[in-house]
C-alpha atoms as a PDB file:
ATOM      1  CA  MET A   1      -1.470 -25.547  26.913  1.00  0.00           C
ATOM      2  CA  GLU A   2       0.595 -27.541  24.433  1.00  0.00           C
ATOM      3  CA  LEU A   3      -1.166 -28.882  21.341  1.00  0.00           C
ATOM      4  CA  GLU A   4      -0.025 -31.099  18.529  1.00  0.00           C
ATOM      5  CA  LEU A   5      -0.393 -29.443  15.147  1.00  0.00           C
ATOM      6  CA  HIS A   6      -2.836 -32.051  13.858  1.00  0.00           C
ATOM      7  CA  GLN A   7      -5.240 -31.051  16.642  1.00  0.00           C
ATOM      8  CA  LEU A   8      -5.774 -27.629  15.086  1.00  0.00           C
ATOM      9  CA  ASP A   9      -8.668 -26.750  12.800  1.00  0.00           C
ATOM     10  CA  ARG A  10      -7.485 -23.973  10.448  1.00  0.00           C
ATOM     11  CA  ARG A  11     -10.859 -23.179   8.877  1.00  0.00           C
ATOM     12  CA  TYR A  12     -10.444 -19.413   9.366  1.00  0.00           C
ATOM     13  CA  GLU A  13      -7.050 -19.132   7.724  1.00  0.00           C
ATOM     14  CA  GLN A  14      -8.837 -18.116   4.525  1.00  0.00           C
ATOM     15  CA  LEU A  15      -9.961 -14.894   6.237  1.00  0.00           C
ATOM     16  CA  ARG A  16      -6.404 -13.587   6.394  1.00  0.00           C
ATOM     17  CA  ARG A  17      -4.040 -12.761   3.583  1.00  0.00           C
ATOM     18  CA  SER A  18      -0.496 -14.008   3.574  1.00  0.00           C
ATOM     19  CA  CYS A  19       2.439 -11.626   3.395  1.00  0.00           C
ATOM     20  CA  PRO A  20       5.745 -13.265   2.454  1.00  0.00           C
ATOM     21  CA  GLU A  21       7.811 -10.518   4.115  1.00  0.00           C
ATOM     22  CA  ARG A  22       5.979 -10.745   7.449  1.00  0.00           C
ATOM     23  CA  ASP A  23       5.956 -14.536   7.298  1.00  0.00           C
ATOM     24  CA  GLY A  24       9.713 -14.481   6.719  1.00  0.00           C
ATOM     25  CA  ARG A  25      10.330 -12.245   9.724  1.00  0.00           C
ATOM     26  CA  ILE A  26       8.214 -14.450  11.983  1.00  0.00           C
ATOM     27  CA  LEU A  27       9.937 -17.583  10.683  1.00  0.00           C
ATOM     28  CA  ALA A  28      13.346 -16.100  11.500  1.00  0.00           C
ATOM     29  CA  SER A  29      12.187 -14.997  14.952  1.00  0.00           C
ATOM     30  CA  LEU A  30      10.730 -18.407  15.828  1.00  0.00           C
ATOM     31  CA  ASP A  31      13.825 -20.167  14.585  1.00  0.00           C
ATOM     32  CA  ARG A  32      16.045 -17.887  16.662  1.00  0.00           C
ATOM     33  CA  ASP A  33      14.033 -17.387  19.865  1.00  0.00           C
ATOM     34  CA  GLY A  34      11.364 -20.075  19.824  1.00  0.00           C
ATOM     35  CA  GLN A  35       7.649 -19.411  20.232  1.00  0.00           C
ATOM     36  CA  GLN A  36       7.151 -16.451  22.557  1.00  0.00           C
ATOM     37  CA  MET A  37       3.415 -15.804  22.127  1.00  0.00           C
ATOM     38  CA  PRO A  38       0.775 -18.549  22.236  1.00  0.00           C
ATOM     39  CA  VAL A  39      -1.771 -18.901  19.463  1.00  0.00           C
ATOM     40  CA  VAL A  40      -5.441 -18.484  20.358  1.00  0.00           C
ATOM     41  CA  VAL A  41      -7.920 -21.353  20.004  1.00  0.00           C
ATOM     42  CA  VAL A  42     -11.430 -22.327  21.051  1.00  0.00           C
ATOM     43  CA  ALA A  43     -12.632 -25.871  21.645  1.00  0.00           C
ATOM     44  CA  GLY A  44     -14.368 -27.480  18.685  1.00  0.00           C
ATOM     45  CA  GLU A  45     -17.134 -30.035  18.719  1.00  0.00           C
ATOM     46  CA  ASP A  46     -14.994 -32.859  17.341  1.00  0.00           C
ATOM     47  CA  GLY A  47     -12.321 -32.742  20.024  1.00  0.00           C
ATOM     48  CA  ARG A  48     -10.065 -30.546  17.930  1.00  0.00           C
ATOM     49  CA  TYR A  49      -9.278 -26.884  18.560  1.00  0.00           C
ATOM     50  CA  ILE A  50     -10.302 -24.098  16.174  1.00  0.00           C
ATOM     51  CA  LEU A  51      -7.489 -21.635  15.522  1.00  0.00           C
ATOM     52  CA  ILE A  52      -8.644 -18.041  16.017  1.00  0.00           C
ATOM     53  CA  ASP A  53      -5.368 -16.118  15.953  1.00  0.00           C
ATOM     54  CA  GLY A  54      -1.770 -17.076  15.181  1.00  0.00           C
ATOM     55  CA  PHE A  55      -1.903 -18.291  11.587  1.00  0.00           C
ATOM     56  CA  LYS A  56       1.454 -16.776  10.657  1.00  0.00           C
ATOM     57  CA  ARG A  57       3.097 -18.393  13.686  1.00  0.00           C
ATOM     58  CA  LEU A  58       1.557 -21.730  12.800  1.00  0.00           C
ATOM     59  CA  ARG A  59       2.784 -21.554   9.191  1.00  0.00           C
ATOM     60  CA  ALA A  60       6.277 -20.780  10.483  1.00  0.00           C
ATOM     61  CA  LEU A  61       6.203 -23.704  12.930  1.00  0.00           C
ATOM     62  CA  ILE A  62       5.133 -26.029  10.119  1.00  0.00           C
ATOM     63  CA  LYS A  63       8.043 -24.829   7.961  1.00  0.00           C
ATOM     64  CA  LEU A  64      10.381 -25.406  10.901  1.00  0.00           C
ATOM     65  CA  ARG A  65       8.945 -28.942  11.180  1.00  0.00           C
ATOM     66  CA  ARG A  66       7.809 -28.490  14.757  1.00  0.00           C
ATOM     67  CA  ASP A  67       5.236 -30.946  16.096  1.00  0.00           C
ATOM     68  CA  THR A  68       3.592 -28.832  18.798  1.00  0.00           C
ATOM     69  CA  VAL A  69       2.407 -25.288  19.421  1.00  0.00           C
ATOM     70  CA  ARG A  70       1.747 -23.361  22.632  1.00  0.00           C
ATOM     71  CA  ALA A  71      -1.867 -22.177  22.735  1.00  0.00           C
ATOM     72  CA  THR A  72      -4.337 -20.268  24.868  1.00  0.00           C
ATOM     73  CA  CYS A  73      -7.887 -21.605  24.822  1.00  0.00           C
ATOM     74  CA  TRP A  74     -10.630 -18.997  25.133  1.00  0.00           C
ATOM     75  CA  GLU A  75     -13.802 -20.042  26.877  1.00  0.00           C
ATOM     76  CA  LEU A  76     -15.966 -18.347  24.263  1.00  0.00           C
ATOM     77  CA  ARG A  77     -18.324 -19.372  21.498  1.00  0.00           C
ATOM     78  CA  GLU A  78     -16.713 -19.564  18.100  1.00  0.00           C
ATOM     79  CA  GLY A  79     -18.363 -16.445  16.666  1.00  0.00           C
ATOM     80  CA  GLU A  80     -17.632 -14.343  19.723  1.00  0.00           C
ATOM     81  CA  ALA A  81     -14.000 -15.469  19.660  1.00  0.00           C
ATOM     82  CA  LEU A  82     -13.672 -14.451  16.013  1.00  0.00           C
ATOM     83  CA  LEU A  83     -14.981 -10.975  16.785  1.00  0.00           C
ATOM     84  CA  LEU A  84     -12.821 -10.531  19.863  1.00  0.00           C
ATOM     85  CA  GLY A  85      -9.725 -11.808  18.095  1.00  0.00           C
ATOM     86  CA  ARG A  86     -10.108  -9.265  15.330  1.00  0.00           C
ATOM     87  CA  LEU A  87     -10.785  -6.403  17.739  1.00  0.00           C
ATOM     88  CA  MET A  88      -7.667  -7.231  19.752  1.00  0.00           C
ATOM     89  CA  GLN A  89      -5.291  -7.112  16.820  1.00  0.00           C
ATOM     90  CA  THR A  90      -2.457  -4.639  17.301  1.00  0.00           C
ATOM     91  CA  SER A  91      -0.703  -5.065  13.938  1.00  0.00           C
ATOM     92  CA  GLU A  92      -1.462  -3.110  10.789  1.00  0.00           C
ATOM     93  CA  GLY A  93      -5.158  -2.800  10.081  1.00  0.00           C
ATOM     94  CA  ASP A  94      -7.069  -5.196   7.889  1.00  0.00           C
ATOM     95  CA  SER A  95      -7.860  -4.237   4.330  1.00  0.00           C
ATOM     96  CA  ALA A  96     -11.477  -3.730   3.312  1.00  0.00           C
ATOM     97  CA  LEU A  97     -11.243  -7.086   1.551  1.00  0.00           C
ATOM     98  CA  GLU A  98     -10.208  -8.917   4.729  1.00  0.00           C
ATOM     99  CA  GLN A  99     -12.974  -7.134   6.620  1.00  0.00           C
ATOM    100  CA  GLY A 100     -15.387  -8.356   3.969  1.00  0.00           C
ATOM    101  CA  TRP A 101     -14.182 -11.944   4.335  1.00  0.00           C
ATOM    102  CA  LEU A 102     -14.781 -11.848   8.071  1.00  0.00           C
ATOM    103  CA  LEU A 103     -18.187 -10.194   7.741  1.00  0.00           C
ATOM    104  CA  ARG A 104     -19.282 -12.754   5.152  1.00  0.00           C
ATOM    105  CA  GLU A 105     -18.138 -15.620   7.369  1.00  0.00           C
ATOM    106  CA  LEU A 106     -19.992 -14.246  10.381  1.00  0.00           C
ATOM    107  CA  ARG A 107     -23.116 -13.619   8.328  1.00  0.00           C
ATOM    108  CA  GLU A 108     -23.185 -17.012   6.616  1.00  0.00           C
ATOM    109  CA  ARG A 109     -21.887 -19.277   9.395  1.00  0.00           C
ATOM    110  CA  PHE A 110     -23.527 -17.606  12.383  1.00  0.00           C
ATOM    111  CA  ASP A 111     -26.533 -16.022  10.650  1.00  0.00           C
ATOM    112  CA  LEU A 112     -25.803 -12.486  11.889  1.00  0.00           C
ATOM    113  CA  SER A 113     -27.793  -9.724  10.191  1.00  0.00           C
ATOM    114  CA  VAL A 114     -26.222  -6.647   8.588  1.00  0.00           C
ATOM    115  CA  GLU A 115     -27.597  -4.537  11.441  1.00  0.00           C
ATOM    116  CA  GLU A 116     -26.126  -6.867  14.081  1.00  0.00           C
ATOM    117  CA  LEU A 117     -22.752  -6.905  12.343  1.00  0.00           C
ATOM    118  CA  ALA A 118     -22.771  -3.107  12.175  1.00  0.00           C
ATOM    119  CA  ARG A 119     -23.489  -2.937  15.899  1.00  0.00           C
ATOM    120  CA  ARG A 120     -20.753  -5.445  16.772  1.00  0.00           C
ATOM    121  CA  PHE A 121     -18.139  -3.561  14.730  1.00  0.00           C
ATOM    122  CA  GLY A 122     -19.282  -0.105  15.817  1.00  0.00           C
ATOM    123  CA  ARG A 123     -20.086   0.858  12.221  1.00  0.00           C
ATOM    124  CA  ASN A 124     -23.184   1.715  10.228  1.00  0.00           C
ATOM    125  CA  PRO A 125     -25.021  -0.841   8.050  1.00  0.00           C
ATOM    126  CA  SER A 126     -23.796   0.755   4.811  1.00  0.00           C
ATOM    127  CA  TRP A 127     -20.172   0.051   5.863  1.00  0.00           C
ATOM    128  CA  VAL A 128     -21.050  -3.615   6.296  1.00  0.00           C
ATOM    129  CA  SER A 129     -23.002  -3.738   3.026  1.00  0.00           C
ATOM    130  CA  ARG A 130     -20.151  -2.188   1.028  1.00  0.00           C
ATOM    131  CA  ARG A 131     -17.675  -4.787   2.232  1.00  0.00           C
ATOM    132  CA  LEU A 132     -20.063  -7.657   1.685  1.00  0.00           C
ATOM    133  CA  GLY A 133     -20.684  -6.301  -1.803  1.00  0.00           C
ATOM    134  CA  LEU A 134     -16.945  -6.117  -2.422  1.00  0.00           C
ATOM    135  CA  VAL A 135     -16.311  -9.791  -1.688  1.00  0.00           C
ATOM    136  CA  SER A 136     -19.360 -10.845  -3.701  1.00  0.00           C
ATOM    137  CA  THR A 137     -18.284  -8.804  -6.757  1.00  0.00           C
ATOM    138  CA  LEU A 138     -14.530  -9.327  -6.924  1.00  0.00           C
ATOM    139  CA  PRO A 139     -13.935 -12.684  -8.669  1.00  0.00           C
ATOM    140  CA  GLU A 140     -12.874 -15.447  -6.295  1.00  0.00           C
ATOM    141  CA  PRO A 141      -9.685 -16.299  -8.264  1.00  0.00           C
ATOM    142  CA  ILE A 142      -8.486 -12.721  -7.714  1.00  0.00           C
ATOM    143  CA  GLN A 143      -9.374 -12.907  -4.022  1.00  0.00           C
ATOM    144  CA  MET A 144      -7.360 -16.112  -3.765  1.00  0.00           C
ATOM    145  CA  LEU A 145      -4.308 -14.340  -5.204  1.00  0.00           C
ATOM    146  CA  VAL A 146      -4.724 -11.645  -2.550  1.00  0.00           C
ATOM    147  CA  ARG A 147      -4.958 -14.327   0.162  1.00  0.00           C
ATOM    148  CA  GLN A 148      -1.720 -15.835  -1.103  1.00  0.00           C
ATOM    149  CA  GLY A 149       0.028 -12.455  -0.858  1.00  0.00           C
ATOM    150  CA  ARG A 150       0.623 -12.276  -4.605  1.00  0.00           C
ATOM    151  CA  LEU A 151      -1.565  -9.208  -5.184  1.00  0.00           C
ATOM    152  CA  VAL A 152      -1.891  -6.092  -3.035  1.00  0.00           C
ATOM    153  CA  PRO A 153      -5.452  -5.830  -1.631  1.00  0.00           C
ATOM    154  CA  HIS A 154      -5.771  -2.112  -2.401  1.00  0.00           C
ATOM    155  CA  ALA A 155      -4.635  -2.672  -5.977  1.00  0.00           C
ATOM    156  CA  ALA A 156      -7.101  -5.524  -6.470  1.00  0.00           C
ATOM    157  CA  MET A 157      -9.987  -3.437  -5.143  1.00  0.00           C
ATOM    158  CA  LYS A 158      -9.143  -0.174  -6.917  1.00  0.00           C
ATOM    159  CA  TYR A 159      -7.971  -1.407 -10.312  1.00  0.00           C
ATOM    160  CA  LEU A 160      -8.919  -5.036 -10.906  1.00  0.00           C
ATOM    161  CA  LEU A 161     -12.454  -4.715  -9.516  1.00  0.00           C
ATOM    162  CA  PRO A 162     -13.585  -2.084 -12.101  1.00  0.00           C
ATOM    163  CA  LEU A 163     -12.016  -4.227 -14.816  1.00  0.00           C
ATOM    164  CA  ALA A 164     -13.928  -7.259 -13.505  1.00  0.00           C
ATOM    165  CA  ARG A 165     -17.202  -5.364 -13.634  1.00  0.00           C
ATOM    166  CA  ALA A 166     -16.603  -4.674 -17.323  1.00  0.00           C
ATOM    167  CA  ASN A 167     -15.198  -8.096 -18.240  1.00  0.00           C
ATOM    168  CA  ARG A 168     -14.826 -10.699 -15.504  1.00  0.00           C
ATOM    169  CA  LYS A 169     -12.919 -13.199 -17.637  1.00  0.00           C
ATOM    170  CA  ASP A 170     -10.325 -10.656 -18.775  1.00  0.00           C
ATOM    171  CA  ALA A 171      -9.822  -9.352 -15.226  1.00  0.00           C
ATOM    172  CA  VAL A 172      -9.124 -12.849 -13.913  1.00  0.00           C
ATOM    173  CA  ALA A 173      -6.764 -13.567 -16.807  1.00  0.00           C
ATOM    174  CA  LEU A 174      -4.821 -10.357 -16.172  1.00  0.00           C
ATOM    175  CA  ALA A 175      -4.633 -10.983 -12.413  1.00  0.00           C
ATOM    176  CA  GLU A 176      -3.285 -14.488 -12.953  1.00  0.00           C
ATOM    177  CA  ALA A 177      -0.770 -13.212 -15.502  1.00  0.00           C
ATOM    178  CA  ILE A 178       0.678 -10.501 -13.273  1.00  0.00           C
ATOM    179  CA  ALA A 179       0.513 -12.319  -9.914  1.00  0.00           C
ATOM    180  CA  PRO A 180       3.890 -14.110 -10.392  1.00  0.00           C
ATOM    181  CA  LEU A 181       5.497 -10.654 -10.525  1.00  0.00           C
ATOM    182  CA  SER A 182       4.020  -9.651  -7.133  1.00  0.00           C
ATOM    183  CA  PRO A 183       3.365  -6.186  -8.580  1.00  0.00           C
ATOM    184  CA  SER A 184       3.122  -3.055  -6.460  1.00  0.00           C
ATOM    185  CA  THR A 185      -0.043  -0.971  -6.436  1.00  0.00           C
ATOM    186  CA  ARG A 186       1.428   1.457  -8.996  1.00  0.00           C
ATOM    187  CA  GLN A 187       2.531  -1.371 -11.265  1.00  0.00           C
ATOM    188  CA  THR A 188      -0.917  -2.972 -11.046  1.00  0.00           C
ATOM    189  CA  GLU A 189      -2.507   0.367 -11.900  1.00  0.00           C
ATOM    190  CA  ALA A 190      -0.255   0.793 -14.946  1.00  0.00           C
ATOM    191  CA  LEU A 191      -0.998  -2.728 -16.182  1.00  0.00           C
ATOM    192  CA  CYS A 192      -4.765  -2.363 -15.694  1.00  0.00           C
ATOM    193  CA  VAL A 193      -4.876   1.021 -17.439  1.00  0.00           C
ATOM    194  CA  ALA A 194      -2.830  -0.272 -20.366  1.00  0.00           C
ATOM    195  CA  PHE A 195      -4.974  -3.406 -20.577  1.00  0.00           C
ATOM    196  CA  ALA A 196      -8.233  -1.418 -20.560  1.00  0.00           C
ATOM    197  CA  ARG A 197      -7.014   0.895 -23.342  1.00  0.00           C
ATOM    198  CA  ALA A 198      -5.492  -1.809 -25.543  1.00  0.00           C
ATOM    199  CA  GLY A 199      -7.151  -3.718 -28.327  1.00  0.00           C
ATOM    200  CA  ARG A 200      -7.325  -7.503 -28.395  1.00  0.00           C
ATOM    201  CA  GLU A 201      -3.809  -7.886 -29.780  1.00  0.00           C
ATOM    202  CA  GLY A 202      -2.391  -5.534 -27.164  1.00  0.00           C
ATOM    203  CA  ARG A 203      -4.248  -7.330 -24.386  1.00  0.00           C
ATOM    204  CA  ASP A 204      -2.913 -10.672 -25.515  1.00  0.00           C
ATOM    205  CA  TYR A 205       0.615  -9.242 -25.455  1.00  0.00           C
ATOM    206  CA  LEU A 206       0.137  -7.934 -21.910  1.00  0.00           C
ATOM    207  CA  LEU A 207      -1.165 -11.304 -20.752  1.00  0.00           C
ATOM    208  CA  ASP A 208       1.831 -13.076 -22.273  1.00  0.00           C
ATOM    209  CA  HIS A 209       4.530 -10.531 -21.337  1.00  0.00           C
ATOM    210  CA  PRO A 210       3.511  -8.292 -18.402  1.00  0.00           C
ATOM    211  CA  GLU A 211       7.113  -8.172 -17.188  1.00  0.00           C
ATOM    212  CA  LEU A 212       8.296  -6.730 -20.532  1.00  0.00           C
ATOM    213  CA  PHE A 213       5.661  -3.991 -20.299  1.00  0.00           C
ATOM    214  CA  LEU A 214       6.797  -3.033 -16.789  1.00  0.00           C
ATOM    215  CA  ARG A 215      10.448  -3.093 -17.815  1.00  0.00           C
ATOM    216  CA  ALA A 216       9.784  -0.847 -20.817  1.00  0.00           C
ATOM    217  CA  ARG A 217       7.754   1.512 -18.632  1.00  0.00           C
ATOM    218  CA  GLU A 218      10.538   1.780 -16.043  1.00  0.00           C
ATOM    219  CA  THR A 219      13.103   2.434 -18.787  1.00  0.00           C
ATOM    220  CA  ALA A 220      10.937   5.221 -20.214  1.00  0.00           C
ATOM    221  CA  GLN A 221      10.531   6.785 -16.774  1.00  0.00           C
ATOM    222  CA  GLU A 222      14.272   6.712 -16.204  1.00  0.00           C
ATOM    223  CA  ALA A 223      14.821   8.423 -19.546  1.00  0.00           C
ATOM    224  CA  LEU A 224      12.402  11.171 -18.535  1.00  0.00           C
ATOM    225  CA  ALA A 225      13.996  11.650 -15.122  1.00  0.00           C
ATOM    226  CA  VAL A 226      15.173  15.220 -14.539  1.00  0.00           C
ATOM    227  CA  SER A 227      18.593  15.860 -12.989  1.00  0.00           C
ATOM    228  CA  GLU A 228      19.143  18.134  -9.994  1.00  0.00           C
ATOM    229  CA  GLY A 229      20.973  20.579 -12.253  1.00  0.00           C
ATOM    230  CA  GLU A 230      17.991  20.828 -14.590  1.00  0.00           C
ATOM    231  CA  LEU A 231      15.677  21.328 -11.631  1.00  0.00           C
ATOM    232  CA  LEU A 232      17.932  24.171 -10.405  1.00  0.00           C
ATOM    233  CA  LEU A 233      17.698  25.869 -13.783  1.00  0.00           C
ATOM    234  CA  ARG A 234      13.910  25.547 -13.643  1.00  0.00           C
ATOM    235  CA  ASP A 235      13.776  26.954 -10.102  1.00  0.00           C
ATOM    236  CA  LEU A 236      15.828  30.010 -11.048  1.00  0.00           C
ATOM    237  CA  GLY A 237      13.709  30.558 -14.127  1.00  0.00           C
ATOM    238  CA  ALA A 238      10.572  30.375 -11.996  1.00  0.00           C
ATOM    239  CA  LEU A 239      12.121  32.762  -9.464  1.00  0.00           C
ATOM    240  CA  GLY A 240      12.763  35.308 -12.202  1.00  0.00           C
ATOM    241  CA  GLY A 241       9.224  34.947 -13.477  1.00  0.00           C
ATOM    242  CA  VAL A 242       7.781  35.516  -9.990  1.00  0.00           C
ATOM    243  CA  ALA A 243       9.996  38.582  -9.507  1.00  0.00           C
ATOM    244  CA  ARG A 244       8.905  40.095 -12.812  1.00  0.00           C
ATOM    245  CA  ARG A 245       5.270  39.433 -12.064  1.00  0.00           C
ATOM    246  CA  ALA A 246       5.514  41.006  -8.599  1.00  0.00           C
ATOM    247  CA  ALA A 247       7.353  44.038 -10.018  1.00  0.00           C
ATOM    248  CA  GLY A 248       4.598  44.517 -12.564  1.00  0.00           C
ATOM    249  CA  ARG A 249       1.959  44.510  -9.847  1.00  0.00           C
ATOM    250  CA  LEU A 250       3.932  47.044  -7.827  1.00  0.00           C
ATOM    251  CA  THR A 251       4.276  49.416 -10.744  1.00  0.00           C
ATOM    252  CA  SER A 252       0.549  49.104 -11.423  1.00  0.00           C
ATOM    253  CA  GLY A 253      -0.165  50.438  -7.910  1.00  0.00           C
ATOM    254  CA  ALA A 254      -1.038  47.193  -6.105  1.00  0.00           C
ATOM    255  CA  ALA A 255       0.825  48.268  -2.936  1.00  0.00           C
ATOM    256  CA  ARG A 256      -1.197  51.478  -2.692  1.00  0.00           C
ATOM    257  CA  GLU A 257      -4.406  49.456  -2.561  1.00  0.00           C
ATOM    258  CA  LEU A 258      -3.358  47.768   0.692  1.00  0.00           C
ATOM    259  CA  LEU A 259      -4.425  48.928   4.143  1.00  0.00           C
ATOM    260  CA  PRO A 260      -1.688  50.191   6.496  1.00  0.00           C
ATOM    261  CA  ALA A 261      -1.534  46.864   8.347  1.00  0.00           C
ATOM    262  CA  GLU A 262      -1.315  45.010   5.056  1.00  0.00           C
ATOM    263  CA  GLN A 263       1.438  47.351   3.840  1.00  0.00           C
ATOM    264  CA  GLN A 264       3.380  46.574   6.997  1.00  0.00           C
ATOM    265  CA  GLU A 265       2.958  42.832   6.297  1.00  0.00           C
ATOM    266  CA  LEU A 266       4.102  43.446   2.713  1.00  0.00           C
ATOM    267  CA  ARG A 267       7.266  45.111   3.976  1.00  0.00           C
ATOM    268  CA  GLY A 268       7.943  42.192   6.333  1.00  0.00           C
ATOM    269  CA  ARG A 269       7.496  39.646   3.572  1.00  0.00           C
ATOM    270  CA  ALA A 270       9.683  41.713   1.246  1.00  0.00           C
ATOM    271  CA  ASP A 271      12.493  41.825   3.843  1.00  0.00           C
ATOM    272  CA  ALA A 272      12.233  38.032   4.329  1.00  0.00           C
ATOM    273  CA  ALA A 273      12.273  37.432   0.563  1.00  0.00           C
ATOM    274  CA  ARG A 274      15.262  39.792   0.180  1.00  0.00           C
ATOM    275  CA  GLY A 275      17.156  37.774   2.791  1.00  0.00           C
ATOM    276  CA  ASP A 276      16.274  34.474   1.099  1.00  0.00           C
ATOM    277  CA  VAL A 277      17.346  35.763  -2.309  1.00  0.00           C
ATOM    278  CA  THR A 278      20.564  37.262  -0.911  1.00  0.00           C
ATOM    279  CA  ARG A 279      21.514  33.924   0.658  1.00  0.00           C
ATOM    280  CA  LEU A 280      20.563  32.120  -2.545  1.00  0.00           C
ATOM    281  CA  PHE A 281      22.836  34.221  -4.749  1.00  0.00           C
ATOM    282  CA  ALA A 282      25.712  34.135  -2.252  1.00  0.00           C
ATOM    283  CA  THR A 283      25.507  30.327  -2.290  1.00  0.00           C
ATOM    284  CA  LEU A 284      25.126  30.353  -6.067  1.00  0.00           C
ATOM    285  CA  ASP A 285      28.303  32.437  -6.502  1.00  0.00           C
ATOM    286  CA  GLU A 286      30.241  30.107  -4.203  1.00  0.00           C
ATOM    287  CA  GLU A 287      29.078  26.941  -5.936  1.00  0.00           C
ATOM    288  CA  ILE A 288      29.743  28.313  -9.414  1.00  0.00           C
ATOM    289  CA  GLU A 289      33.269  29.249  -8.335  1.00  0.00           C
ATOM    290  CA  HIS A 290      33.821  25.759  -6.872  1.00  0.00           C
ATOM    291  CA  ALA A 291      32.528  24.194 -10.078  1.00  0.00           C
ATOM    292  CA  ARG A 292      34.839  26.421 -12.183  1.00  0.00           C
ATOM    293  CA  ARG A 293      37.897  25.449 -10.134  1.00  0.00           C
ATOM    294  CA  ALA A 294      37.027  21.775 -10.267  1.00  0.00           C
ATOM    295  CA  HIS A 295      36.652  22.010 -14.023  1.00  0.00           C
ATOM    296  CA  GLN A 296      40.029  23.747 -14.382  1.00  0.00           C
ATOM    297  CA  GLU A 297      41.731  21.145 -12.190  1.00  0.00           C
ATOM    298  CA  GLY A 298      40.168  18.401 -14.250  1.00  0.00           C
ATOM    299  CA  ASP A 299      41.438  19.979 -17.466  1.00  0.00           C
ATOM    300  CA  SER A 300      44.959  20.351 -16.067  1.00  0.00           C
ATOM    301  CA  GLU A 301      45.095  16.624 -15.298  1.00  0.00           C
ATOM    302  CA  THR A 302      43.982  15.613 -18.767  1.00  0.00           C
ATOM    303  CA  PRO A 303      46.922  13.969 -20.609  1.00  0.00           C
END
């Protein structure tokens, strides 16, 4: 069926988070190939149609200034359609936060008990209770930033939620300060840890300049980065240490303590290690010689 966009009721859009990257891909696909998959709706009481699935497609059609959308109308009750729509999803799984939004909606709008929700989702009641507790504890302004795709759900749950339990106002202020940066989970962790450890002056600085903190942190990490050459030196040093330690155990009689089968295994491992070390030093000699020649050639070309 073909519906005009104004006929759609988008009340359940708040149960899904936006992802700018995915939205961009869908926008490009719709612009190039047109709408290939219909959205899913159920009939509402006011003559409109309640959108159950296809929110990203609808947002893309609106941006493309289309007037109509192809839709499939399920002959199901609203609550049943919501459950079925979520179970039929084939994209990446929902976050615990999105699961909590859906569970809360089903509980409040359709008066489903925790036990009934657990049965419908094939989970135990504690799974339902944890997710309901999550959406009731995490401040709504932070949840809104997750819905908008400006904060990563996992980061909000793992790092901003504990901060909110300690100081709700500060957690919201930090979330709103860092959201314009669209920080990764690791960046959010670093900002939350620094914020929790800082005094009032340091917290105020982080709220005003989170991007400067991240830039300074990245610069420090780059300065601490270890080159491949340094890692090679470390590996050879470790190899020597292992060899000395093994030789010490041999001279102390460790091999004589092994059973015949274990001694045979020891010999097999020793032969394999000898082969590995032989290949290592053959390669090392070749590479050192190549490096020496390259250095000499470079010196000869120096004016």
